[in-house]
Amino acid sequence: VQLQASGGGLVQTGGSLRLSCAASGGTFNTYAMGWFRQAPGKEREFVAAINWSGATIYQSDSMKGRFTISRDNAKNTMYLQMNSLKPEDTALYYCAARRNGLSSSYYWTYDYWGQGTLVTVSS
């Protein structure tokens, strides 16, 4: 399975970005998917996760209300809509897939990872 994250960029505080994660080479509609991020000098942090059908969503409390995860199984793509961005949201954002199909906030439970897309929020 290959995952390609895209949509990152430079945005001002309060702005929005929509990240995408396109999957190929596997059965996307059976995988749970997740977004994680890692800022320079910090550990990888859970952002949001969605189960295979989209019915179960987990989200980090610190981003709840600003970030929304979704998926389109017909397009083999997952999304992360990020609104009201803050400088502390600056990080490399990774998408990941889990064969299990169930949402998880633990990065070590994911089987496949994308290369990451950089989000920079200026103050």
PDB file of N, CA and C in Angstrom:
ATOM      1  N   VAL A   1       0.849  -1.188   0.000  1.00  0.00           N
ATOM      2  CA  VAL A   1       0.000   0.000   0.000  1.00  0.00           C
ATOM      3  C   VAL A   1       0.885   1.238   0.000  1.00  0.00           C
ATOM      4  N   GLN A   2       0.561   2.158  -0.884  1.00  0.00           N
ATOM      5  CA  GLN A   2       1.283   3.420  -0.906  1.00  0.00           C
ATOM      6  C   GLN A   2       0.339   4.557  -0.561  1.00  0.00           C
ATOM      7  N   LEU A   3       0.811   5.444   0.296  1.00  0.00           N
ATOM      8  CA  LEU A   3       0.014   6.584   0.724  1.00  0.00           C
ATOM      9  C   LEU A   3       0.729   7.859   0.315  1.00  0.00           C
ATOM     10  N   GLN A   4      -0.009   8.760  -0.293  1.00  0.00           N
ATOM     11  CA  GLN A   4       0.562  10.021  -0.753  1.00  0.00           C
ATOM     12  C   GLN A   4      -0.210  11.162  -0.109  1.00  0.00           C
ATOM     13  N   ALA A   5       0.456  11.850   0.820  1.00  0.00           N
ATOM     14  CA  ALA A   5      -0.160  12.998   1.473  1.00  0.00           C
ATOM     15  C   ALA A   5       0.148  14.262   0.683  1.00  0.00           C
ATOM     16  N   SER A   6      -0.820  15.146   0.621  1.00  0.00           N
ATOM     17  CA  SER A   6      -0.634  16.413  -0.088  1.00  0.00           C
ATOM     18  C   SER A   6      -1.525  17.479   0.528  1.00  0.00           C
ATOM     19  N   GLY A   7      -1.308  18.723   0.095  1.00  0.00           N
ATOM     20  CA  GLY A   7      -2.168  19.806   0.543  1.00  0.00           C
ATOM     21  C   GLY A   7      -1.541  20.728   1.573  1.00  0.00           C
ATOM     22  N   GLY A   8      -0.351  20.401   2.045  1.00  0.00           N
ATOM     23  CA  GLY A   8       0.309  21.271   3.001  1.00  0.00           C
ATOM     24  C   GLY A   8       0.782  22.556   2.349  1.00  0.00           C
ATOM     25  N   GLY A   9       1.216  23.474   3.185  1.00  0.00           N
ATOM     26  CA  GLY A   9       1.705  24.737   2.666  1.00  0.00           C
ATOM     27  C   GLY A   9       1.860  25.761   3.759  1.00  0.00           C
ATOM     28  N   LEU A  10       2.066  27.000   3.346  1.00  0.00           N
ATOM     29  CA  LEU A  10       2.221  28.124   4.273  1.00  0.00           C
ATOM     30  C   LEU A  10       0.902  28.884   4.358  1.00  0.00           C
ATOM     31  N   VAL A  11       0.432  29.098   5.573  1.00  0.00           N
ATOM     32  CA  VAL A  11      -0.831  29.792   5.781  1.00  0.00           C
ATOM     33  C   VAL A  11      -0.701  30.703   7.000  1.00  0.00           C
ATOM     34  N   GLN A  12      -1.462  31.761   7.013  1.00  0.00           N
ATOM     35  CA  GLN A  12      -1.439  32.680   8.149  1.00  0.00           C
ATOM     36  C   GLN A  12      -2.310  32.153   9.286  1.00  0.00           C
ATOM     37  N   THR A  13      -2.042  32.632  10.472  1.00  0.00           N
ATOM     38  CA  THR A  13      -2.867  32.291  11.629  1.00  0.00           C
ATOM     39  C   THR A  13      -4.330  32.581  11.323  1.00  0.00           C
ATOM     40  N   GLY A  14      -5.174  31.613  11.655  1.00  0.00           N
ATOM     41  CA  GLY A  14      -6.604  31.749  11.387  1.00  0.00           C
ATOM     42  C   GLY A  14      -7.036  31.204  10.046  1.00  0.00           C
ATOM     43  N   GLY A  15      -6.074  30.845   9.218  1.00  0.00           N
ATOM     44  CA  GLY A  15      -6.384  30.330   7.891  1.00  0.00           C
ATOM     45  C   GLY A  15      -6.769  28.861   7.910  1.00  0.00           C
ATOM     46  N   SER A  16      -7.002  28.332   6.715  1.00  0.00           N
ATOM     47  CA  SER A  16      -7.444  26.942   6.558  1.00  0.00           C
ATOM     48  C   SER A  16      -6.612  26.221   5.511  1.00  0.00           C
ATOM     49  N   LEU A  17      -6.525  24.936   5.678  1.00  0.00           N
ATOM     50  CA  LEU A  17      -5.917  24.056   4.692  1.00  0.00           C
ATOM     51  C   LEU A  17      -6.696  22.750   4.680  1.00  0.00           C
ATOM     52  N   ARG A  18      -6.676  22.079   3.533  1.00  0.00           N
ATOM     53  CA  ARG A  18      -7.270  20.761   3.423  1.00  0.00           C
ATOM     54  C   ARG A  18      -6.191  19.786   2.952  1.00  0.00           C
ATOM     55  N   LEU A  19      -5.866  18.849   3.804  1.00  0.00           N
ATOM     56  CA  LEU A  19      -4.902  17.821   3.452  1.00  0.00           C
ATOM     57  C   LEU A  19      -5.630  16.636   2.826  1.00  0.00           C
ATOM     58  N   SER A  20      -4.948  15.978   1.904  1.00  0.00           N
ATOM     59  CA  SER A  20      -5.474  14.772   1.284  1.00  0.00           C
ATOM     60  C   SER A  20      -4.453  13.660   1.434  1.00  0.00           C
ATOM     61  N   CYS A  21      -4.950  12.443   1.480  1.00  0.00           N
ATOM     62  CA  CYS A  21      -4.095  11.267   1.517  1.00  0.00           C
ATOM     63  C   CYS A  21      -4.668  10.262   0.534  1.00  0.00           C
ATOM     64  N   ALA A  22      -3.970  10.083  -0.578  1.00  0.00           N
ATOM     65  CA  ALA A  22      -4.423   9.160  -1.612  1.00  0.00           C
ATOM     66  C   ALA A  22      -3.731   7.817  -1.433  1.00  0.00           C
ATOM     67  N   ALA A  23      -4.523   6.760  -1.461  1.00  0.00           N
ATOM     68  CA  ALA A  23      -3.997   5.411  -1.277  1.00  0.00           C
ATOM     69  C   ALA A  23      -4.032   4.641  -2.582  1.00  0.00           C
ATOM     70  N   SER A  24      -3.027   3.787  -2.748  1.00  0.00           N
ATOM     71  CA  SER A  24      -2.999   2.923  -3.921  1.00  0.00           C
ATOM     72  C   SER A  24      -2.376   1.591  -3.549  1.00  0.00           C
ATOM     73  N   GLY A  25      -2.737   0.570  -4.279  1.00  0.00           N
ATOM     74  CA  GLY A  25      -2.112  -0.727  -4.090  1.00  0.00           C
ATOM     75  C   GLY A  25      -2.714  -1.600  -3.010  1.00  0.00           C
ATOM     76  N   GLY A  26      -3.801  -1.211  -2.433  1.00  0.00           N
ATOM     77  CA  GLY A  26      -4.402  -2.024  -1.384  1.00  0.00           C
ATOM     78  C   GLY A  26      -5.910  -1.910  -1.404  1.00  0.00           C
ATOM     79  N   THR A  27      -6.542  -2.403  -0.368  1.00  0.00           N
ATOM     80  CA  THR A  27      -8.008  -2.329  -0.275  1.00  0.00           C
ATOM     81  C   THR A  27      -8.373  -1.221   0.700  1.00  0.00           C
ATOM     82  N   PHE A  28      -8.377  -0.004   0.184  1.00  0.00           N
ATOM     83  CA  PHE A  28      -8.557   1.193   1.018  1.00  0.00           C
ATOM     84  C   PHE A  28      -9.827   1.104   1.848  1.00  0.00           C
ATOM     85  N   ASN A  29     -10.886   0.563   1.266  1.00  0.00           N
ATOM     86  CA  ASN A  29     -12.164   0.598   1.970  1.00  0.00           C
ATOM     87  C   ASN A  29     -12.258  -0.398   3.122  1.00  0.00           C
ATOM     88  N   THR A  30     -11.180  -1.122   3.400  1.00  0.00           N
ATOM     89  CA  THR A  30     -11.145  -1.996   4.573  1.00  0.00           C
ATOM     90  C   THR A  30     -10.203  -1.469   5.658  1.00  0.00           C
ATOM     91  N   TYR A  31      -9.458  -0.423   5.354  1.00  0.00           N
ATOM     92  CA  TYR A  31      -8.463   0.089   6.286  1.00  0.00           C
ATOM     93  C   TYR A  31      -9.017   1.212   7.145  1.00  0.00           C
ATOM     94  N   ALA A  32      -8.604   1.236   8.393  1.00  0.00           N
ATOM     95  CA  ALA A  32      -8.755   2.451   9.172  1.00  0.00           C
ATOM     96  C   ALA A  32      -7.633   3.401   8.752  1.00  0.00           C
ATOM     97  N   MET A  33      -7.890   4.675   8.868  1.00  0.00           N
ATOM     98  CA  MET A  33      -6.911   5.679   8.461  1.00  0.00           C
ATOM     99  C   MET A  33      -6.697   6.686   9.585  1.00  0.00           C
ATOM    100  N   GLY A  34      -5.528   7.265   9.602  1.00  0.00           N
ATOM    101  CA  GLY A  34      -5.246   8.246  10.640  1.00  0.00           C
ATOM    102  C   GLY A  34      -4.320   9.346  10.158  1.00  0.00           C
ATOM    103  N   TRP A  35      -4.392  10.446  10.850  1.00  0.00           N
ATOM    104  CA  TRP A  35      -3.466  11.570  10.657  1.00  0.00           C
ATOM    105  C   TRP A  35      -2.660  11.755  11.940  1.00  0.00           C
ATOM    106  N   PHE A  36      -1.374  11.917  11.774  1.00  0.00           N
ATOM    107  CA  PHE A  36      -0.468  12.230  12.866  1.00  0.00           C
ATOM    108  C   PHE A  36       0.386  13.407  12.429  1.00  0.00           C
ATOM    109  N   ARG A  37       1.002  14.074  13.388  1.00  0.00           N
ATOM    110  CA  ARG A  37       1.877  15.177  13.036  1.00  0.00           C
ATOM    111  C   ARG A  37       3.104  15.170  13.928  1.00  0.00           C
ATOM    112  N   GLN A  38       4.163  15.773  13.418  1.00  0.00           N
ATOM    113  CA  GLN A  38       5.387  15.869  14.194  1.00  0.00           C
ATOM    114  C   GLN A  38       6.039  17.208  13.925  1.00  0.00           C
ATOM    115  N   ALA A  39       6.167  17.981  14.982  1.00  0.00           N
ATOM    116  CA  ALA A  39       6.832  19.274  14.907  1.00  0.00           C
ATOM    117  C   ALA A  39       8.315  19.066  15.195  1.00  0.00           C
ATOM    118  N   PRO A  40       9.161  19.979  14.737  1.00  0.00           N
ATOM    119  CA  PRO A  40      10.605  19.849  14.987  1.00  0.00           C
ATOM    120  C   PRO A  40      10.906  19.729  16.474  1.00  0.00           C
ATOM    121  N   GLY A  41      11.669  18.717  16.823  1.00  0.00           N
ATOM    122  CA  GLY A  41      12.078  18.528  18.210  1.00  0.00           C
ATOM    123  C   GLY A  41      11.016  17.950  19.119  1.00  0.00           C
ATOM    124  N   LYS A  42       9.887  17.559  18.520  1.00  0.00           N
ATOM    125  CA  LYS A  42       8.799  17.006  19.335  1.00  0.00           C
ATOM    126  C   LYS A  42       8.459  15.590  18.870  1.00  0.00           C
ATOM    127  N   GLU A  43       7.729  14.894  19.723  1.00  0.00           N
ATOM    128  CA  GLU A  43       7.319  13.547  19.386  1.00  0.00           C
ATOM    129  C   GLU A  43       6.125  13.571  18.439  1.00  0.00           C
ATOM    130  N   ARG A  44       5.928  12.444  17.770  1.00  0.00           N
ATOM    131  CA  ARG A  44       4.774  12.310  16.894  1.00  0.00           C
ATOM    132  C   ARG A  44       3.490  12.411  17.711  1.00  0.00           C
ATOM    133  N   GLU A  45       2.527  13.120  17.165  1.00  0.00           N
ATOM    134  CA  GLU A  45       1.303  13.425  17.909  1.00  0.00           C
ATOM    135  C   GLU A  45       0.089  12.974  17.092  1.00  0.00           C
ATOM    136  N   PHE A  46      -0.849  12.351  17.764  1.00  0.00           N
ATOM    137  CA  PHE A  46      -2.091  11.927  17.131  1.00  0.00           C
ATOM    138  C   PHE A  46      -2.951  13.141  16.794  1.00  0.00           C
ATOM    139  N   VAL A  47      -3.531  13.126  15.595  1.00  0.00           N
ATOM    140  CA  VAL A  47      -4.431  14.201  15.186  1.00  0.00           C
ATOM    141  C   VAL A  47      -5.871  13.690  15.106  1.00  0.00           C
ATOM    142  N   ALA A  48      -6.094  12.687  14.277  1.00  0.00           N
ATOM    143  CA  ALA A  48      -7.448  12.161  14.101  1.00  0.00           C
ATOM    144  C   ALA A  48      -7.375  10.806  13.411  1.00  0.00           C
ATOM    145  N   ALA A  49      -8.426  10.011  13.596  1.00  0.00           N
ATOM    146  CA  ALA A  49      -8.501   8.697  12.964  1.00  0.00           C
ATOM    147  C   ALA A  49      -9.933   8.405  12.573  1.00  0.00           C
ATOM    148  N   ILE A  50     -10.087   7.577  11.556  1.00  0.00           N
ATOM    149  CA  ILE A  50     -11.413   7.242  11.050  1.00  0.00           C
ATOM    150  C   ILE A  50     -11.420   5.761  10.686  1.00  0.00           C
ATOM    151  N   ASN A  51     -12.510   5.062  11.015  1.00  0.00           N
ATOM    152  CA  ASN A  51     -12.529   3.628  10.742  1.00  0.00           C
ATOM    153  C   ASN A  51     -12.834   3.369   9.269  1.00  0.00           C
ATOM    154  N   TRP A  52     -12.899   2.135   8.900  1.00  0.00           N
ATOM    155  CA  TRP A  52     -12.997   1.762   7.486  1.00  0.00           C
ATOM    156  C   TRP A  52     -14.235   2.346   6.807  1.00  0.00           C
ATOM    157  N   SER A  53     -15.323   2.458   7.546  1.00  0.00           N
ATOM    158  CA  SER A  53     -16.570   2.931   6.934  1.00  0.00           C
ATOM    159  C   SER A  53     -16.779   4.427   7.096  1.00  0.00           C
ATOM    160  N   GLY A  54     -15.999   5.033   7.966  1.00  0.00           N
ATOM    161  CA  GLY A  54     -16.208   6.447   8.260  1.00  0.00           C
ATOM    162  C   GLY A  54     -17.165   6.692   9.405  1.00  0.00           C
ATOM    163  N   ALA A  55     -17.664   5.618  10.009  1.00  0.00           N
ATOM    164  CA  ALA A  55     -18.673   5.765  11.062  1.00  0.00           C
ATOM    165  C   ALA A  55     -18.071   6.103  12.414  1.00  0.00           C
ATOM    166  N   THR A  56     -16.824   5.749  12.625  1.00  0.00           N
ATOM    167  CA  THR A  56     -16.188   5.985  13.925  1.00  0.00           C
ATOM    168  C   THR A  56     -14.983   6.887  13.741  1.00  0.00           C
ATOM    169  N   ILE A  57     -15.010   7.986  14.456  1.00  0.00           N
ATOM    170  CA  ILE A  57     -13.935   8.978  14.365  1.00  0.00           C
ATOM    171  C   ILE A  57     -13.380   9.238  15.747  1.00  0.00           C
ATOM    172  N   TYR A  58     -12.065   9.234  15.834  1.00  0.00           N
ATOM    173  CA  TYR A  58     -11.370   9.667  17.043  1.00  0.00           C
ATOM    174  C   TYR A  58     -10.648  10.960  16.703  1.00  0.00           C
ATOM    175  N   GLN A  59     -10.574  11.849  17.659  1.00  0.00           N
ATOM    176  CA  GLN A  59      -9.921  13.117  17.403  1.00  0.00           C
ATOM    177  C   GLN A  59      -9.212  13.594  18.642  1.00  0.00           C
ATOM    178  N   SER A  60      -8.072  14.225  18.440  1.00  0.00           N
ATOM    179  CA  SER A  60      -7.359  14.806  19.554  1.00  0.00           C
ATOM    180  C   SER A  60      -8.177  15.940  20.158  1.00  0.00           C
ATOM    181  N   ASP A  61      -8.255  15.975  21.473  1.00  0.00           N
ATOM    182  CA  ASP A  61      -9.034  17.027  22.138  1.00  0.00           C
ATOM    183  C   ASP A  61      -8.517  18.418  21.798  1.00  0.00           C
ATOM    184  N   SER A  62      -7.213  18.531  21.613  1.00  0.00           N
ATOM    185  CA  SER A  62      -6.640  19.860  21.389  1.00  0.00           C
ATOM    186  C   SER A  62      -7.001  20.418  20.011  1.00  0.00           C
ATOM    187  N   MET A  63      -7.464  19.554  19.111  1.00  0.00           N
ATOM    188  CA  MET A  63      -7.807  20.004  17.772  1.00  0.00           C
ATOM    189  C   MET A  63      -9.299  19.877  17.467  1.00  0.00           C
ATOM    190  N   LYS A  64     -10.027  19.342  18.415  1.00  0.00           N
ATOM    191  CA  LYS A  64     -11.454  19.135  18.193  1.00  0.00           C
ATOM    192  C   LYS A  64     -12.132  20.485  17.956  1.00  0.00           C
ATOM    193  N   GLY A  65     -13.009  20.500  16.978  1.00  0.00           N
ATOM    194  CA  GLY A  65     -13.698  21.739  16.649  1.00  0.00           C
ATOM    195  C   GLY A  65     -12.996  22.558  15.594  1.00  0.00           C
ATOM    196  N   ARG A  66     -11.725  22.264  15.351  1.00  0.00           N
ATOM    197  CA  ARG A  66     -10.978  22.980  14.311  1.00  0.00           C
ATOM    198  C   ARG A  66     -10.634  22.066  13.145  1.00  0.00           C
ATOM    199  N   PHE A  67     -10.348  20.803  13.439  1.00  0.00           N
ATOM    200  CA  PHE A  67      -9.957  19.848  12.403  1.00  0.00           C
ATOM    201  C   PHE A  67     -11.073  18.823  12.205  1.00  0.00           C
ATOM    202  N   THR A  68     -11.266  18.428  10.952  1.00  0.00           N
ATOM    203  CA  THR A  68     -12.277  17.422  10.623  1.00  0.00           C
ATOM    204  C   THR A  68     -11.674  16.390   9.685  1.00  0.00           C
ATOM    205  N   ILE A  69     -11.767  15.135  10.097  1.00  0.00           N
ATOM    206  CA  ILE A  69     -11.280  14.043   9.264  1.00  0.00           C
ATOM    207  C   ILE A  69     -12.453  13.450   8.495  1.00  0.00           C
ATOM    208  N   SER A  70     -12.189  13.014   7.274  1.00  0.00           N
ATOM    209  CA  SER A  70     -13.232  12.371   6.467  1.00  0.00           C
ATOM    210  C   SER A  70     -12.545  11.458   5.453  1.00  0.00           C
ATOM    211  N   ARG A  71     -13.338  10.663   4.785  1.00  0.00           N
ATOM    212  CA  ARG A  71     -12.792   9.771   3.760  1.00  0.00           C
ATOM    213  C   ARG A  71     -13.816   9.561   2.659  1.00  0.00           C
ATOM    214  N   ASP A  72     -13.294   9.263   1.481  1.00  0.00           N
ATOM    215  CA  ASP A  72     -14.128   8.929   0.333  1.00  0.00           C
ATOM    216  C   ASP A  72     -13.605   7.605  -0.204  1.00  0.00           C
ATOM    217  N   ASN A  73     -14.275   6.523   0.146  1.00  0.00           N
ATOM    218  CA  ASN A  73     -13.790   5.203  -0.258  1.00  0.00           C
ATOM    219  C   ASN A  73     -13.855   5.003  -1.768  1.00  0.00           C
ATOM    220  N   ALA A  74     -14.740   5.701  -2.425  1.00  0.00           N
ATOM    221  CA  ALA A  74     -14.825   5.582  -3.881  1.00  0.00           C
ATOM    222  C   ALA A  74     -13.594   6.184  -4.562  1.00  0.00           C
ATOM    223  N   LYS A  75     -12.961   7.124  -3.869  1.00  0.00           N
ATOM    224  CA  LYS A  75     -11.780   7.793  -4.429  1.00  0.00           C
ATOM    225  C   LYS A  75     -10.487   7.338  -3.763  1.00  0.00           C
ATOM    226  N   ASN A  76     -10.591   6.380  -2.846  1.00  0.00           N
ATOM    227  CA  ASN A  76      -9.400   5.900  -2.118  1.00  0.00           C
ATOM    228  C   ASN A  76      -8.629   7.045  -1.477  1.00  0.00           C
ATOM    229  N   THR A  77      -9.349   7.959  -0.893  1.00  0.00           N
ATOM    230  CA  THR A  77      -8.722   9.171  -0.366  1.00  0.00           C
ATOM    231  C   THR A  77      -9.304   9.537   0.989  1.00  0.00           C
ATOM    232  N   MET A  78      -8.414   9.997   1.864  1.00  0.00           N
ATOM    233  CA  MET A  78      -8.799  10.521   3.166  1.00  0.00           C
ATOM    234  C   MET A  78      -8.447  12.010   3.186  1.00  0.00           C
ATOM    235  N   TYR A  79      -9.184  12.757   4.007  1.00  0.00           N
ATOM    236  CA  TYR A  79      -8.980  14.202   4.066  1.00  0.00           C
ATOM    237  C   TYR A  79      -8.835  14.668   5.511  1.00  0.00           C
ATOM    238  N   LEU A  80      -8.195  15.812   5.659  1.00  0.00           N
ATOM    239  CA  LEU A  80      -8.179  16.508   6.945  1.00  0.00           C
ATOM    240  C   LEU A  80      -8.404  17.983   6.664  1.00  0.00           C
ATOM    241  N   GLN A  81      -9.584  18.443   7.024  1.00  0.00           N
ATOM    242  CA  GLN A  81      -9.905  19.868   6.892  1.00  0.00           C
ATOM    243  C   GLN A  81      -9.437  20.559   8.163  1.00  0.00           C
ATOM    244  N   MET A  82      -8.566  21.530   8.002  1.00  0.00           N
ATOM    245  CA  MET A  82      -8.000  22.239   9.142  1.00  0.00           C
ATOM    246  C   MET A  82      -8.400  23.709   9.070  1.00  0.00           C
ATOM    247  N   ASN A  83      -9.122  24.161  10.072  1.00  0.00           N
ATOM    248  CA  ASN A  83      -9.570  25.547  10.145  1.00  0.00           C
ATOM    249  C   ASN A  83      -8.974  26.220  11.373  1.00  0.00           C
ATOM    250  N   SER A  84      -9.040  27.538  11.392  1.00  0.00           N
ATOM    251  CA  SER A  84      -8.550  28.323  12.536  1.00  0.00           C
ATOM    252  C   SER A  84      -7.149  27.887  12.941  1.00  0.00           C
ATOM    253  N   LEU A  85      -6.292  27.802  11.969  1.00  0.00           N
ATOM    254  CA  LEU A  85      -4.931  27.303  12.219  1.00  0.00           C
ATOM    255  C   LEU A  85      -4.143  28.251  13.107  1.00  0.00           C
ATOM    256  N   LYS A  86      -3.290  27.656  13.922  1.00  0.00           N
ATOM    257  CA  LYS A  86      -2.460  28.395  14.871  1.00  0.00           C
ATOM    258  C   LYS A  86      -0.995  28.080  14.592  1.00  0.00           C
ATOM    259  N   PRO A  87      -0.085  28.935  15.003  1.00  0.00           N
ATOM    260  CA  PRO A  87       1.348  28.641  14.796  1.00  0.00           C
ATOM    261  C   PRO A  87       1.766  27.297  15.393  1.00  0.00           C
ATOM    262  N   GLU A  88       1.145  26.902  16.483  1.00  0.00           N
ATOM    263  CA  GLU A  88       1.505  25.615  17.103  1.00  0.00           C
ATOM    264  C   GLU A  88       1.022  24.417  16.301  1.00  0.00           C
ATOM    265  N   ASP A  89       0.260  24.643  15.239  1.00  0.00           N
ATOM    266  CA  ASP A  89      -0.130  23.558  14.340  1.00  0.00           C
ATOM    267  C   ASP A  89       0.955  23.276  13.299  1.00  0.00           C
ATOM    268  N   THR A  90       1.991  24.096  13.280  1.00  0.00           N
ATOM    269  CA  THR A  90       3.089  23.885  12.339  1.00  0.00           C
ATOM    270  C   THR A  90       3.757  22.546  12.602  1.00  0.00           C
ATOM    271  N   ALA A  91       3.804  21.703  11.564  1.00  0.00           N
ATOM    272  CA  ALA A  91       4.359  20.358  11.707  1.00  0.00           C
ATOM    273  C   ALA A  91       4.356  19.664  10.357  1.00  0.00           C
ATOM    274  N   LEU A  92       5.001  18.521  10.338  1.00  0.00           N
ATOM    275  CA  LEU A  92       4.900  17.611   9.209  1.00  0.00           C
ATOM    276  C   LEU A  92       3.728  16.684   9.511  1.00  0.00           C
ATOM    277  N   TYR A  93       2.768  16.646   8.617  1.00  0.00           N
ATOM    278  CA  TYR A  93       1.557  15.853   8.820  1.00  0.00           C
ATOM    279  C   TYR A  93       1.658  14.564   8.012  1.00  0.00           C
ATOM    280  N   TYR A  94       1.468  13.452   8.703  1.00  0.00           N
ATOM    281  CA  TYR A  94       1.552  12.138   8.088  1.00  0.00           C
ATOM    282  C   TYR A  94       0.181  11.471   8.064  1.00  0.00           C
ATOM    283  N   CYS A  95      -0.072  10.743   6.993  1.00  0.00           N
ATOM    284  CA  CYS A  95      -1.242   9.893   6.987  1.00  0.00           C
ATOM    285  C   CYS A  95      -0.786   8.433   7.122  1.00  0.00           C
ATOM    286  N   ALA A  96      -1.652   7.623   7.687  1.00  0.00           N
ATOM    287  CA  ALA A  96      -1.312   6.239   7.951  1.00  0.00           C
ATOM    288  C   ALA A  96      -2.540   5.359   7.758  1.00  0.00           C
ATOM    289  N   ALA A  97      -2.288   4.097   7.429  1.00  0.00           N
ATOM    290  CA  ALA A  97      -3.366   3.134   7.217  1.00  0.00           C
ATOM    291  C   ALA A  97      -3.187   1.937   8.134  1.00  0.00           C
ATOM    292  N   ARG A  98      -4.304   1.421   8.596  1.00  0.00           N
ATOM    293  CA  ARG A  98      -4.302   0.301   9.530  1.00  0.00           C
ATOM    294  C   ARG A  98      -5.142  -0.824   8.954  1.00  0.00           C
ATOM    295  N   ARG A  99      -4.550  -1.992   8.734  1.00  0.00           N
ATOM    296  CA  ARG A  99      -5.268  -3.113   8.128  1.00  0.00           C
ATOM    297  C   ARG A  99      -6.442  -3.562   8.982  1.00  0.00           C
ATOM    298  N   ASN A 100      -6.338  -3.388  10.252  1.00  0.00           N
ATOM    299  CA  ASN A 100      -7.355  -3.826  11.207  1.00  0.00           C
ATOM    300  C   ASN A 100      -8.739  -3.254  10.900  1.00  0.00           C
ATOM    301  N   GLY A 101      -8.781  -2.033  10.389  1.00  0.00           N
ATOM    302  CA  GLY A 101     -10.061  -1.431  10.043  1.00  0.00           C
ATOM    303  C   GLY A 101     -10.690  -0.591  11.132  1.00  0.00           C
ATOM    304  N   LEU A 102     -10.153  -0.717  12.353  1.00  0.00           N
ATOM    305  CA  LEU A 102     -10.724   0.014  13.484  1.00  0.00           C
ATOM    306  C   LEU A 102      -9.873   1.244  13.788  1.00  0.00           C
ATOM    307  N   SER A 103     -10.517   2.319  14.149  1.00  0.00           N
ATOM    308  CA  SER A 103      -9.802   3.559  14.450  1.00  0.00           C
ATOM    309  C   SER A 103      -8.854   3.361  15.626  1.00  0.00           C
ATOM    310  N   SER A 104      -7.732   4.045  15.580  1.00  0.00           N
ATOM    311  CA  SER A 104      -6.766   3.984  16.669  1.00  0.00           C
ATOM    312  C   SER A 104      -6.008   5.295  16.754  1.00  0.00           C
ATOM    313  N   SER A 105      -5.705   5.714  17.986  1.00  0.00           N
ATOM    314  CA  SER A 105      -4.913   6.929  18.191  1.00  0.00           C
ATOM    315  C   SER A 105      -3.444   6.607  18.454  1.00  0.00           C
ATOM    316  N   TYR A 106      -3.082   5.336  18.378  1.00  0.00           N
ATOM    317  CA  TYR A 106      -1.715   4.909  18.694  1.00  0.00           C
ATOM    318  C   TYR A 106      -0.929   4.670  17.419  1.00  0.00           C
ATOM    319  N   TYR A 107       0.111   5.417  17.176  1.00  0.00           N
ATOM    320  CA  TYR A 107       0.795   5.355  15.887  1.00  0.00           C
ATOM    321  C   TYR A 107       1.391   3.972  15.614  1.00  0.00           C
ATOM    322  N   TRP A 108       1.759   3.249  16.665  1.00  0.00           N
ATOM    323  CA  TRP A 108       2.420   1.948  16.459  1.00  0.00           C
ATOM    324  C   TRP A 108       1.443   0.869  15.993  1.00  0.00           C
ATOM    325  N   THR A 109       0.174   1.180  15.969  1.00  0.00           N
ATOM    326  CA  THR A 109      -0.808   0.196  15.500  1.00  0.00           C
ATOM    327  C   THR A 109      -1.074   0.321  13.993  1.00  0.00           C
ATOM    328  N   TYR A 110      -0.439   1.288  13.352  1.00  0.00           N
ATOM    329  CA  TYR A 110      -0.644   1.494  11.920  1.00  0.00           C
ATOM    330  C   TYR A 110       0.410   0.750  11.114  1.00  0.00           C
ATOM    331  N   ASP A 111      -0.019   0.265   9.956  1.00  0.00           N
ATOM    332  CA  ASP A 111       0.827  -0.603   9.146  1.00  0.00           C
ATOM    333  C   ASP A 111       1.528   0.115   8.002  1.00  0.00           C
ATOM    334  N   TYR A 112       0.933   1.160   7.500  1.00  0.00           N
ATOM    335  CA  TYR A 112       1.488   1.855   6.341  1.00  0.00           C
ATOM    336  C   TYR A 112       1.491   3.355   6.606  1.00  0.00           C
ATOM    337  N   TRP A 113       2.536   4.004   6.080  1.00  0.00           N
ATOM    338  CA  TRP A 113       2.695   5.447   6.300  1.00  0.00           C
ATOM    339  C   TRP A 113       3.000   6.162   5.002  1.00  0.00           C
ATOM    340  N   GLY A 114       2.483   7.377   4.906  1.00  0.00           N
ATOM    341  CA  GLY A 114       2.839   8.253   3.797  1.00  0.00           C
ATOM    342  C   GLY A 114       4.092   9.045   4.140  1.00  0.00           C
ATOM    343  N   GLN A 115       4.513   9.862   3.212  1.00  0.00           N
ATOM    344  CA  GLN A 115       5.782  10.572   3.370  1.00  0.00           C
ATOM    345  C   GLN A 115       5.645  11.875   4.151  1.00  0.00           C
ATOM    346  N   GLY A 116       4.440  12.341   4.352  1.00  0.00           N
ATOM    347  CA  GLY A 116       4.235  13.574   5.112  1.00  0.00           C
ATOM    348  C   GLY A 116       4.102  14.797   4.222  1.00  0.00           C
ATOM    349  N   THR A 117       3.327  15.744   4.687  1.00  0.00           N
ATOM    350  CA  THR A 117       3.177  17.019   4.001  1.00  0.00           C
ATOM    351  C   THR A 117       3.335  18.127   5.052  1.00  0.00           C
ATOM    352  N   LEU A 118       4.109  19.137   4.715  1.00  0.00           N
ATOM    353  CA  LEU A 118       4.477  20.165   5.686  1.00  0.00           C
ATOM    354  C   LEU A 118       3.433  21.267   5.754  1.00  0.00           C
ATOM    355  N   VAL A 119       3.008  21.550   6.957  1.00  0.00           N
ATOM    356  CA  VAL A 119       2.093  22.659   7.223  1.00  0.00           C
ATOM    357  C   VAL A 119       2.836  23.683   8.062  1.00  0.00           C
ATOM    358  N   THR A 120       2.872  24.918   7.586  1.00  0.00           N
ATOM    359  CA  THR A 120       3.528  25.998   8.307  1.00  0.00           C
ATOM    360  C   THR A 120       2.520  27.116   8.508  1.00  0.00           C
ATOM    361  N   VAL A 121       2.307  27.478   9.764  1.00  0.00           N
ATOM    362  CA  VAL A 121       1.359  28.538  10.088  1.00  0.00           C
ATOM    363  C   VAL A 121       2.141  29.727  10.623  1.00  0.00           C
ATOM    364  N   SER A 122       2.050  30.830   9.937  1.00  0.00           N
ATOM    365  CA  SER A 122       2.786  32.030  10.346  1.00  0.00           C
ATOM    366  C   SER A 122       1.934  32.894  11.269  1.00  0.00           C
ATOM    367  N   SER A 123       2.613  33.549  12.191  1.00  0.00           N
ATOM    368  CA  SER A 123       1.891  34.395  13.166  1.00  0.00           C
ATOM    369  C   SER A 123       1.759  35.824  12.662  1.00  0.00           C
TER     370      SER A 123
END
